[in-house]
Amino acid sequence: MNSDLAMVVGIVLAVLAIPSILSAVTDRRSPRASAITILIAAGLIVFALQKNPGRYSFETLPDVFVSVAADLLP
């Protein structure tokens, strides 16, 4: 797996898990599925950071998203 793709998928999963966590907490349920999703997202982000240590910063993240979108779209 490309490290850029792992970074983007990890960030997207983490962002999508936030509403699920909030919903579970407000309904007084344990956020089990959300916690697993966050763990997977963290694993993907750590994988990408370990594969390319100096590649990612807040300034380069938009470029990473665009390059992944350009690779995936025909």
PDB file of N, CA and C in Angstrom:
ATOM      1  N   MET A   1       0.850  -1.173   0.000  1.00  0.00           N
ATOM      2  CA  MET A   1       0.000   0.000   0.000  1.00  0.00           C
ATOM      3  C   MET A   1       0.893   1.232   0.000  1.00  0.00           C
ATOM      4  N   ASN A   2       0.532   2.174  -0.809  1.00  0.00           N
ATOM      5  CA  ASN A   2       1.232   3.443  -0.895  1.00  0.00           C
ATOM      6  C   ASN A   2       1.075   4.195   0.435  1.00  0.00           C
ATOM      7  N   SER A   3       2.136   4.801   0.913  1.00  0.00           N
ATOM      8  CA  SER A   3       2.051   5.502   2.194  1.00  0.00           C
ATOM      9  C   SER A   3       1.126   6.718   2.117  1.00  0.00           C
ATOM     10  N   ASP A   4       1.072   7.376   0.963  1.00  0.00           N
ATOM     11  CA  ASP A   4       0.146   8.505   0.820  1.00  0.00           C
ATOM     12  C   ASP A   4      -1.303   8.025   0.939  1.00  0.00           C
ATOM     13  N   LEU A   5      -1.598   6.888   0.313  1.00  0.00           N
ATOM     14  CA  LEU A   5      -2.951   6.340   0.391  1.00  0.00           C
ATOM     15  C   LEU A   5      -3.280   5.939   1.825  1.00  0.00           C
ATOM     16  N   ALA A   6      -2.330   5.342   2.524  1.00  0.00           N
ATOM     17  CA  ALA A   6      -2.559   4.968   3.921  1.00  0.00           C
ATOM     18  C   ALA A   6      -2.833   6.197   4.777  1.00  0.00           C
ATOM     19  N   MET A   7      -2.090   7.268   4.541  1.00  0.00           N
ATOM     20  CA  MET A   7      -2.299   8.505   5.304  1.00  0.00           C
ATOM     21  C   MET A   7      -3.691   9.074   5.048  1.00  0.00           C
ATOM     22  N   VAL A   8      -4.090   9.142   3.792  1.00  0.00           N
ATOM     23  CA  VAL A   8      -5.392   9.718   3.453  1.00  0.00           C
ATOM     24  C   VAL A   8      -6.531   8.860   4.007  1.00  0.00           C
ATOM     25  N   VAL A   9      -6.440   7.552   3.848  1.00  0.00           N
ATOM     26  CA  VAL A   9      -7.494   6.671   4.367  1.00  0.00           C
ATOM     27  C   VAL A   9      -7.554   6.754   5.889  1.00  0.00           C
ATOM     28  N   GLY A  10      -6.409   6.824   6.544  1.00  0.00           N
ATOM     29  CA  GLY A  10      -6.387   6.956   7.994  1.00  0.00           C
ATOM     30  C   GLY A  10      -7.032   8.241   8.473  1.00  0.00           C
ATOM     31  N   ILE A  11      -6.732   9.330   7.809  1.00  0.00           N
ATOM     32  CA  ILE A  11      -7.322  10.617   8.202  1.00  0.00           C
ATOM     33  C   ILE A  11      -8.829  10.615   7.956  1.00  0.00           C
ATOM     34  N   VAL A  12      -9.258  10.086   6.814  1.00  0.00           N
ATOM     35  CA  VAL A  12     -10.689  10.050   6.499  1.00  0.00           C
ATOM     36  C   VAL A  12     -11.433   9.169   7.499  1.00  0.00           C
ATOM     37  N   LEU A  13     -10.872   8.005   7.817  1.00  0.00           N
ATOM     38  CA  LEU A  13     -11.517   7.137   8.814  1.00  0.00           C
ATOM     39  C   LEU A  13     -11.608   7.816  10.175  1.00  0.00           C
ATOM     40  N   ALA A  14     -10.564   8.494  10.582  1.00  0.00           N
ATOM     41  CA  ALA A  14     -10.579   9.178  11.873  1.00  0.00           C
ATOM     42  C   ALA A  14     -11.640  10.274  11.910  1.00  0.00           C
ATOM     43  N   VAL A  15     -11.748  11.016  10.832  1.00  0.00           N
ATOM     44  CA  VAL A  15     -12.751  12.095  10.788  1.00  0.00           C
ATOM     45  C   VAL A  15     -14.163  11.520  10.770  1.00  0.00           C
ATOM     46  N   LEU A  16     -14.367  10.420  10.047  1.00  0.00           N
ATOM     47  CA  LEU A  16     -15.700   9.824   9.995  1.00  0.00           C
ATOM     48  C   LEU A  16     -16.090   9.123  11.287  1.00  0.00           C
ATOM     49  N   ALA A  17     -15.140   8.776  12.118  1.00  0.00           N
ATOM     50  CA  ALA A  17     -15.449   8.113  13.384  1.00  0.00           C
ATOM     51  C   ALA A  17     -15.908   9.094  14.455  1.00  0.00           C
ATOM     52  N   ILE A  18     -15.596  10.367  14.300  1.00  0.00           N
ATOM     53  CA  ILE A  18     -15.948  11.362  15.319  1.00  0.00           C
ATOM     54  C   ILE A  18     -17.464  11.464  15.534  1.00  0.00           C
ATOM     55  N   PRO A  19     -18.294  11.588  14.480  1.00  0.00           N
ATOM     56  CA  PRO A  19     -19.748  11.631  14.735  1.00  0.00           C
ATOM     57  C   PRO A  19     -20.279  10.353  15.381  1.00  0.00           C
ATOM     58  N   SER A  20     -19.687   9.221  15.037  1.00  0.00           N
ATOM     59  CA  SER A  20     -20.114   7.958  15.634  1.00  0.00           C
ATOM     60  C   SER A  20     -19.798   7.922  17.124  1.00  0.00           C
ATOM     61  N   ILE A  21     -18.641   8.429  17.492  1.00  0.00           N
ATOM     62  CA  ILE A  21     -18.279   8.494  18.916  1.00  0.00           C
ATOM     63  C   ILE A  21     -19.233   9.422  19.665  1.00  0.00           C
ATOM     64  N   LEU A  22     -19.489  10.575  19.098  1.00  0.00           N
ATOM     65  CA  LEU A  22     -20.397  11.528  19.748  1.00  0.00           C
ATOM     66  C   LEU A  22     -21.811  10.964  19.883  1.00  0.00           C
ATOM     67  N   SER A  23     -22.270  10.249  18.858  1.00  0.00           N
ATOM     68  CA  SER A  23     -23.595   9.640  18.915  1.00  0.00           C
ATOM     69  C   SER A  23     -23.669   8.572  19.997  1.00  0.00           C
ATOM     70  N   ALA A  24     -22.646   7.758  20.086  1.00  0.00           N
ATOM     71  CA  ALA A  24     -22.639   6.707  21.109  1.00  0.00           C
ATOM     72  C   ALA A  24     -22.589   7.301  22.515  1.00  0.00           C
ATOM     73  N   VAL A  25     -21.809   8.336  22.691  1.00  0.00           N
ATOM     74  CA  VAL A  25     -21.690   8.947  24.020  1.00  0.00           C
ATOM     75  C   VAL A  25     -22.999   9.623  24.423  1.00  0.00           C
ATOM     76  N   THR A  26     -23.645  10.310  23.506  1.00  0.00           N
ATOM     77  CA  THR A  26     -24.899  10.987  23.859  1.00  0.00           C
ATOM     78  C   THR A  26     -26.032   9.995  24.113  1.00  0.00           C
ATOM     79  N   ASP A  27     -25.975   8.808  23.487  1.00  0.00           N
ATOM     80  CA  ASP A  27     -26.993   7.783  23.741  1.00  0.00           C
ATOM     81  C   ASP A  27     -26.625   6.888  24.913  1.00  0.00           C
ATOM     82  N   ARG A  28     -25.545   7.207  25.585  1.00  0.00           N
ATOM     83  CA  ARG A  28     -25.035   6.458  26.739  1.00  0.00           C
ATOM     84  C   ARG A  28     -24.746   4.995  26.385  1.00  0.00           C
ATOM     85  N   ARG A  29     -24.134   4.821  25.208  1.00  0.00           N
ATOM     86  CA  ARG A  29     -23.664   3.509  24.771  1.00  0.00           C
ATOM     87  C   ARG A  29     -22.143   3.553  24.723  1.00  0.00           C
ATOM     88  N   SER A  30     -21.535   2.399  24.746  1.00  0.00           N
ATOM     89  CA  SER A  30     -20.071   2.382  24.623  1.00  0.00           C
ATOM     90  C   SER A  30     -19.712   2.435  23.137  1.00  0.00           C
ATOM     91  N   PRO A  31     -18.776   3.291  22.772  1.00  0.00           N
ATOM     92  CA  PRO A  31     -18.420   3.450  21.349  1.00  0.00           C
ATOM     93  C   PRO A  31     -17.424   2.383  20.885  1.00  0.00           C
ATOM     94  N   ARG A  32     -17.850   1.107  20.860  1.00  0.00           N
ATOM     95  CA  ARG A  32     -16.945   0.020  20.504  1.00  0.00           C
ATOM     96  C   ARG A  32     -16.516   0.091  19.041  1.00  0.00           C
ATOM     97  N   ALA A  33     -17.467   0.203  18.149  1.00  0.00           N
ATOM     98  CA  ALA A  33     -17.130   0.244  16.712  1.00  0.00           C
ATOM     99  C   ALA A  33     -16.305   1.485  16.381  1.00  0.00           C
ATOM    100  N   SER A  34     -16.641   2.576  17.017  1.00  0.00           N
ATOM    101  CA  SER A  34     -15.884   3.807  16.785  1.00  0.00           C
ATOM    102  C   SER A  34     -14.464   3.691  17.308  1.00  0.00           C
ATOM    103  N   ALA A  35     -14.301   3.033  18.434  1.00  0.00           N
ATOM    104  CA  ALA A  35     -12.958   2.854  18.986  1.00  0.00           C
ATOM    105  C   ALA A  35     -12.114   1.972  18.074  1.00  0.00           C
ATOM    106  N   ILE A  36     -12.714   0.934  17.530  1.00  0.00           N
ATOM    107  CA  ILE A  36     -11.983   0.071  16.591  1.00  0.00           C
ATOM    108  C   ILE A  36     -11.614   0.851  15.338  1.00  0.00           C
ATOM    109  N   THR A  37     -12.531   1.681  14.859  1.00  0.00           N
ATOM    110  CA  THR A  37     -12.255   2.498  13.679  1.00  0.00           C
ATOM    111  C   THR A  37     -11.117   3.477  13.943  1.00  0.00           C
ATOM    112  N   ILE A  38     -11.104   4.087  15.103  1.00  0.00           N
ATOM    113  CA  ILE A  38     -10.022   5.010  15.463  1.00  0.00           C
ATOM    114  C   ILE A  38      -8.692   4.268  15.552  1.00  0.00           C
ATOM    115  N   LEU A  39      -8.697   3.055  16.097  1.00  0.00           N
ATOM    116  CA  LEU A  39      -7.463   2.266  16.173  1.00  0.00           C
ATOM    117  C   LEU A  39      -6.930   1.912  14.786  1.00  0.00           C
ATOM    118  N   ILE A  40      -7.827   1.552  13.877  1.00  0.00           N
ATOM    119  CA  ILE A  40      -7.411   1.258  12.503  1.00  0.00           C
ATOM    120  C   ILE A  40      -6.854   2.506  11.842  1.00  0.00           C
ATOM    121  N   ALA A  41      -7.527   3.629  12.032  1.00  0.00           N
ATOM    122  CA  ALA A  41      -7.055   4.893  11.449  1.00  0.00           C
ATOM    123  C   ALA A  41      -5.694   5.272  12.013  1.00  0.00           C
ATOM    124  N   ALA A  42      -5.519   5.125  13.308  1.00  0.00           N
ATOM    125  CA  ALA A  42      -4.223   5.439  13.916  1.00  0.00           C
ATOM    126  C   ALA A  42      -3.135   4.517  13.387  1.00  0.00           C
ATOM    127  N   GLY A  43      -3.468   3.252  13.194  1.00  0.00           N
ATOM    128  CA  GLY A  43      -2.504   2.312  12.637  1.00  0.00           C
ATOM    129  C   GLY A  43      -2.072   2.685  11.236  1.00  0.00           C
ATOM    130  N   LEU A  44      -3.025   3.108  10.409  1.00  0.00           N
ATOM    131  CA  LEU A  44      -2.696   3.531   9.046  1.00  0.00           C
ATOM    132  C   LEU A  44      -1.839   4.790   9.050  1.00  0.00           C
ATOM    133  N   ILE A  45      -2.144   5.725   9.918  1.00  0.00           N
ATOM    134  CA  ILE A  45      -1.371   6.966   9.988  1.00  0.00           C
ATOM    135  C   ILE A  45       0.046   6.687  10.480  1.00  0.00           C
ATOM    136  N   VAL A  46       0.170   5.833  11.493  1.00  0.00           N
ATOM    137  CA  VAL A  46       1.503   5.485  12.006  1.00  0.00           C
ATOM    138  C   VAL A  46       2.303   4.741  10.941  1.00  0.00           C
ATOM    139  N   PHE A  47       1.647   3.842  10.201  1.00  0.00           N
ATOM    140  CA  PHE A  47       2.315   3.132   9.107  1.00  0.00           C
ATOM    141  C   PHE A  47       2.867   4.112   8.079  1.00  0.00           C
ATOM    142  N   ALA A  48       2.058   5.084   7.707  1.00  0.00           N
ATOM    143  CA  ALA A  48       2.500   6.067   6.709  1.00  0.00           C
ATOM    144  C   ALA A  48       3.636   6.929   7.253  1.00  0.00           C
ATOM    145  N   LEU A  49       3.562   7.303   8.512  1.00  0.00           N
ATOM    146  CA  LEU A  49       4.625   8.128   9.109  1.00  0.00           C
ATOM    147  C   LEU A  49       5.937   7.362   9.252  1.00  0.00           C
ATOM    148  N   GLN A  50       5.856   6.063   9.529  1.00  0.00           N
ATOM    149  CA  GLN A  50       7.072   5.272   9.659  1.00  0.00           C
ATOM    150  C   GLN A  50       7.693   4.959   8.304  1.00  0.00           C
ATOM    151  N   LYS A  51       6.862   4.831   7.293  1.00  0.00           N
ATOM    152  CA  LYS A  51       7.388   4.518   5.970  1.00  0.00           C
ATOM    153  C   LYS A  51       8.111   5.716   5.354  1.00  0.00           C
ATOM    154  N   ASN A  52       7.591   6.917   5.554  1.00  0.00           N
ATOM    155  CA  ASN A  52       8.209   8.160   5.070  1.00  0.00           C
ATOM    156  C   ASN A  52       8.244   9.166   6.213  1.00  0.00           C
ATOM    157  N   PRO A  53       9.289   9.139   7.033  1.00  0.00           N
ATOM    158  CA  PRO A  53       9.295   9.962   8.252  1.00  0.00           C
ATOM    159  C   PRO A  53       9.206  11.466   8.032  1.00  0.00           C
ATOM    160  N   GLY A  54       9.885  12.029   7.041  1.00  0.00           N
ATOM    161  CA  GLY A  54       9.890  13.477   6.889  1.00  0.00           C
ATOM    162  C   GLY A  54       8.924  13.993   5.848  1.00  0.00           C
ATOM    163  N   ARG A  55       8.070  13.149   5.331  1.00  0.00           N
ATOM    164  CA  ARG A  55       7.221  13.507   4.191  1.00  0.00           C
ATOM    165  C   ARG A  55       6.005  14.328   4.591  1.00  0.00           C
ATOM    166  N   TYR A  56       5.446  14.057   5.752  1.00  0.00           N
ATOM    167  CA  TYR A  56       4.144  14.630   6.093  1.00  0.00           C
ATOM    168  C   TYR A  56       4.256  15.752   7.111  1.00  0.00           C
ATOM    169  N   SER A  57       3.557  16.832   6.821  1.00  0.00           N
ATOM    170  CA  SER A  57       3.380  17.938   7.760  1.00  0.00           C
ATOM    171  C   SER A  57       2.016  18.553   7.440  1.00  0.00           C
ATOM    172  N   PHE A  58       1.599  19.494   8.242  1.00  0.00           N
ATOM    173  CA  PHE A  58       0.305  20.117   7.993  1.00  0.00           C
ATOM    174  C   PHE A  58       0.292  20.874   6.663  1.00  0.00           C
ATOM    175  N   GLU A  59       1.437  21.361   6.242  1.00  0.00           N
ATOM    176  CA  GLU A  59       1.503  22.109   4.982  1.00  0.00           C
ATOM    177  C   GLU A  59       1.399  21.184   3.767  1.00  0.00           C
ATOM    178  N   THR A  60       1.861  19.939   3.893  1.00  0.00           N
ATOM    179  CA  THR A  60       1.869  19.030   2.742  1.00  0.00           C
ATOM    180  C   THR A  60       0.632  18.146   2.657  1.00  0.00           C
ATOM    181  N   LEU A  61      -0.216  18.127   3.684  1.00  0.00           N
ATOM    182  CA  LEU A  61      -1.385  17.257   3.650  1.00  0.00           C
ATOM    183  C   LEU A  61      -2.345  17.557   2.498  1.00  0.00           C
ATOM    184  N   PRO A  62      -2.630  18.813   2.160  1.00  0.00           N
ATOM    185  CA  PRO A  62      -3.487  19.040   0.995  1.00  0.00           C
ATOM    186  C   PRO A  62      -2.889  18.482  -0.300  1.00  0.00           C
ATOM    187  N   ASP A  63      -1.582  18.596  -0.458  1.00  0.00           N
ATOM    188  CA  ASP A  63      -0.935  18.035  -1.645  1.00  0.00           C
ATOM    189  C   ASP A  63      -1.049  16.515  -1.667  1.00  0.00           C
ATOM    190  N   VAL A  64      -0.962  15.898  -0.509  1.00  0.00           N
ATOM    191  CA  VAL A  64      -1.089  14.437  -0.421  1.00  0.00           C
ATOM    192  C   VAL A  64      -2.502  14.025  -0.817  1.00  0.00           C
ATOM    193  N   PHE A  65      -3.513  14.740  -0.329  1.00  0.00           N
ATOM    194  CA  PHE A  65      -4.899  14.423  -0.690  1.00  0.00           C
ATOM    195  C   PHE A  65      -5.102  14.565  -2.200  1.00  0.00           C
ATOM    196  N   VAL A  66      -4.574  15.627  -2.783  1.00  0.00           N
ATOM    197  CA  VAL A  66      -4.736  15.851  -4.219  1.00  0.00           C
ATOM    198  C   VAL A  66      -4.012  14.772  -5.024  1.00  0.00           C
ATOM    199  N   SER A  67      -2.829  14.384  -4.590  1.00  0.00           N
ATOM    200  CA  SER A  67      -2.079  13.363  -5.342  1.00  0.00           C
ATOM    201  C   SER A  67      -2.780  12.007  -5.255  1.00  0.00           C
ATOM    202  N   VAL A  68      -3.368  11.677  -4.110  1.00  0.00           N
ATOM    203  CA  VAL A  68      -4.109  10.422  -3.997  1.00  0.00           C
ATOM    204  C   VAL A  68      -5.364  10.466  -4.854  1.00  0.00           C
ATOM    205  N   ALA A  69      -6.064  11.587  -4.855  1.00  0.00           N
ATOM    206  CA  ALA A  69      -7.253  11.720  -5.700  1.00  0.00           C
ATOM    207  C   ALA A  69      -6.870  11.630  -7.185  1.00  0.00           C
ATOM    208  N   ALA A  70      -5.754  12.226  -7.553  1.00  0.00           N
ATOM    209  CA  ALA A  70      -5.327  12.171  -8.956  1.00  0.00           C
ATOM    210  C   ALA A  70      -4.932  10.751  -9.347  1.00  0.00           C
ATOM    211  N   ASP A  71      -4.378   9.993  -8.420  1.00  0.00           N
ATOM    212  CA  ASP A  71      -4.022   8.598  -8.718  1.00  0.00           C
ATOM    213  C   ASP A  71      -5.253   7.722  -8.855  1.00  0.00           C
ATOM    214  N   LEU A  72      -6.292   8.000  -8.067  1.00  0.00           N
ATOM    215  CA  LEU A  72      -7.478   7.149  -8.071  1.00  0.00           C
ATOM    216  C   LEU A  72      -8.460   7.477  -9.186  1.00  0.00           C
ATOM    217  N   LEU A  73      -8.556   8.738  -9.537  1.00  0.00           N
ATOM    218  CA  LEU A  73      -9.495   9.134 -10.597  1.00  0.00           C
ATOM    219  C   LEU A  73      -8.859   8.950 -11.968  1.00  0.00           C
ATOM    220  N   PRO A  74      -9.658   8.489 -12.916  1.00  0.00           N
ATOM    221  CA  PRO A  74      -9.067   8.276 -14.274  1.00  0.00           C
ATOM    222  C   PRO A  74      -8.745   9.560 -15.003  1.00  0.00           C
TER     223      PRO A  74
END
